[in-house]
Amino acid sequence: MIESCYEHTFMESDNNRLPDVRFWSFYVVSVIFLYILISYFIWIDITGELNEIMNKISEQVRQGPLI
């Protein structure tokens, strides 16, 4: 009875390991880089009009009073 319980245990390994760490680290770094790059261009697009207004105000301040 005790011997029969060992008949179905796992004895051999397939040598299946996790994928290479370099591949996953490259993948993670690439995704983070793409996220930052895309968010930068979206930020520039959204705040472009505000930047123009700020530049106009800055130029008016540099010129001095309008009197």
C-alpha atoms as a PDB file:
ATOM      1  CA  MET A   1       0.000   0.000   0.000  1.00  0.00           C
ATOM      2  CA  ILE A   2       2.759   2.466   0.805  1.00  0.00           C
ATOM      3  CA  GLU A   3       4.681   1.640  -2.371  1.00  0.00           C
ATOM      4  CA  SER A   4       1.678   2.430  -4.559  1.00  0.00           C
ATOM      5  CA  CYS A   5       1.551   6.018  -3.366  1.00  0.00           C
ATOM      6  CA  TYR A   6       5.009   6.655  -4.881  1.00  0.00           C
ATOM      7  CA  GLU A   7       4.030   5.441  -8.351  1.00  0.00           C
ATOM      8  CA  HIS A   8       2.480   8.778  -9.335  1.00  0.00           C
ATOM      9  CA  THR A   9       4.984  11.183  -7.883  1.00  0.00           C
ATOM     10  CA  PHE A  10       7.031  13.458 -10.043  1.00  0.00           C
ATOM     11  CA  MET A  11      10.553  12.111 -10.462  1.00  0.00           C
ATOM     12  CA  GLU A  12      11.974  13.822 -13.556  1.00  0.00           C
ATOM     13  CA  SER A  13      12.307  17.474 -14.380  1.00  0.00           C
ATOM     14  CA  ASP A  14      11.730  18.945 -17.815  1.00  0.00           C
ATOM     15  CA  ASN A  15      14.350  21.628 -17.211  1.00  0.00           C
ATOM     16  CA  ASN A  16      11.667  24.182 -17.971  1.00  0.00           C
ATOM     17  CA  ARG A  17      12.793  27.338 -16.301  1.00  0.00           C
ATOM     18  CA  LEU A  18      11.611  30.877 -16.292  1.00  0.00           C
ATOM     19  CA  PRO A  19      12.471  32.878 -19.405  1.00  0.00           C
ATOM     20  CA  ASP A  20      15.759  34.711 -19.540  1.00  0.00           C
ATOM     21  CA  VAL A  21      15.939  37.660 -17.155  1.00  0.00           C
ATOM     22  CA  ARG A  22      17.667  39.829 -19.772  1.00  0.00           C
ATOM     23  CA  PHE A  23      14.684  39.471 -22.086  1.00  0.00           C
ATOM     24  CA  TRP A  24      12.204  40.507 -19.401  1.00  0.00           C
ATOM     25  CA  SER A  25      14.344  43.360 -18.141  1.00  0.00           C
ATOM     26  CA  PHE A  26      14.724  44.653 -21.710  1.00  0.00           C
ATOM     27  CA  TYR A  27      10.962  44.349 -22.178  1.00  0.00           C
ATOM     28  CA  VAL A  28      10.173  46.214 -18.946  1.00  0.00           C
ATOM     29  CA  VAL A  29      12.689  48.984 -19.689  1.00  0.00           C
ATOM     30  CA  SER A  30      11.306  49.328 -23.233  1.00  0.00           C
ATOM     31  CA  VAL A  31       7.721  49.630 -21.999  1.00  0.00           C
ATOM     32  CA  ILE A  32       8.705  52.252 -19.407  1.00  0.00           C
ATOM     33  CA  PHE A  33      10.682  54.216 -22.019  1.00  0.00           C
ATOM     34  CA  LEU A  34       7.771  54.139 -24.486  1.00  0.00           C
ATOM     35  CA  TYR A  35       5.367  55.233 -21.765  1.00  0.00           C
ATOM     36  CA  ILE A  36       7.543  58.212 -20.853  1.00  0.00           C
ATOM     37  CA  LEU A  37       8.094  59.141 -24.504  1.00  0.00           C
ATOM     38  CA  ILE A  38       4.395  58.982 -25.404  1.00  0.00           C
ATOM     39  CA  SER A  39       3.321  60.836 -22.260  1.00  0.00           C
ATOM     40  CA  TYR A  40       5.896  63.570 -23.003  1.00  0.00           C
ATOM     41  CA  PHE A  41       4.443  64.230 -26.452  1.00  0.00           C
ATOM     42  CA  ILE A  42       0.889  64.166 -25.097  1.00  0.00           C
ATOM     43  CA  TRP A  43       1.903  66.653 -22.377  1.00  0.00           C
ATOM     44  CA  ILE A  44       3.517  68.969 -24.952  1.00  0.00           C
ATOM     45  CA  ASP A  45       0.400  68.808 -27.128  1.00  0.00           C
ATOM     46  CA  ILE A  46      -1.973  69.545 -24.243  1.00  0.00           C
ATOM     47  CA  THR A  47       0.067  72.355 -22.692  1.00  0.00           C
ATOM     48  CA  GLY A  48       1.208  74.002 -25.952  1.00  0.00           C
ATOM     49  CA  GLU A  49      -1.444  76.702 -25.887  1.00  0.00           C
ATOM     50  CA  LEU A  50      -0.769  77.453 -22.233  1.00  0.00           C
ATOM     51  CA  ASN A  51       2.947  77.775 -22.988  1.00  0.00           C
ATOM     52  CA  GLU A  52       2.245  80.356 -25.714  1.00  0.00           C
ATOM     53  CA  ILE A  53       0.111  82.410 -23.322  1.00  0.00           C
ATOM     54  CA  MET A  54       2.819  82.258 -20.646  1.00  0.00           C
ATOM     55  CA  ASN A  55       5.429  83.424 -23.164  1.00  0.00           C
ATOM     56  CA  LYS A  56       3.255  86.412 -24.169  1.00  0.00           C
ATOM     57  CA  ILE A  57       2.808  87.407 -20.531  1.00  0.00           C
ATOM     58  CA  SER A  58       6.536  87.036 -19.919  1.00  0.00           C
ATOM     59  CA  GLU A  59       7.348  89.296 -22.881  1.00  0.00           C
ATOM     60  CA  GLN A  60       4.882  91.936 -21.673  1.00  0.00           C
ATOM     61  CA  VAL A  61       6.469  91.907 -18.203  1.00  0.00           C
ATOM     62  CA  ARG A  62       9.940  92.336 -19.705  1.00  0.00           C
ATOM     63  CA  GLN A  63       8.802  95.344 -21.766  1.00  0.00           C
ATOM     64  CA  GLY A  64       7.665  97.192 -18.691  1.00  0.00           C
ATOM     65  CA  PRO A  65       4.485  99.162 -18.043  1.00  0.00           C
ATOM     66  CA  LEU A  66       2.213 100.044 -20.957  1.00  0.00           C
ATOM     67  CA  ILE A  67       1.810 103.679 -19.880  1.00  0.00           C
END
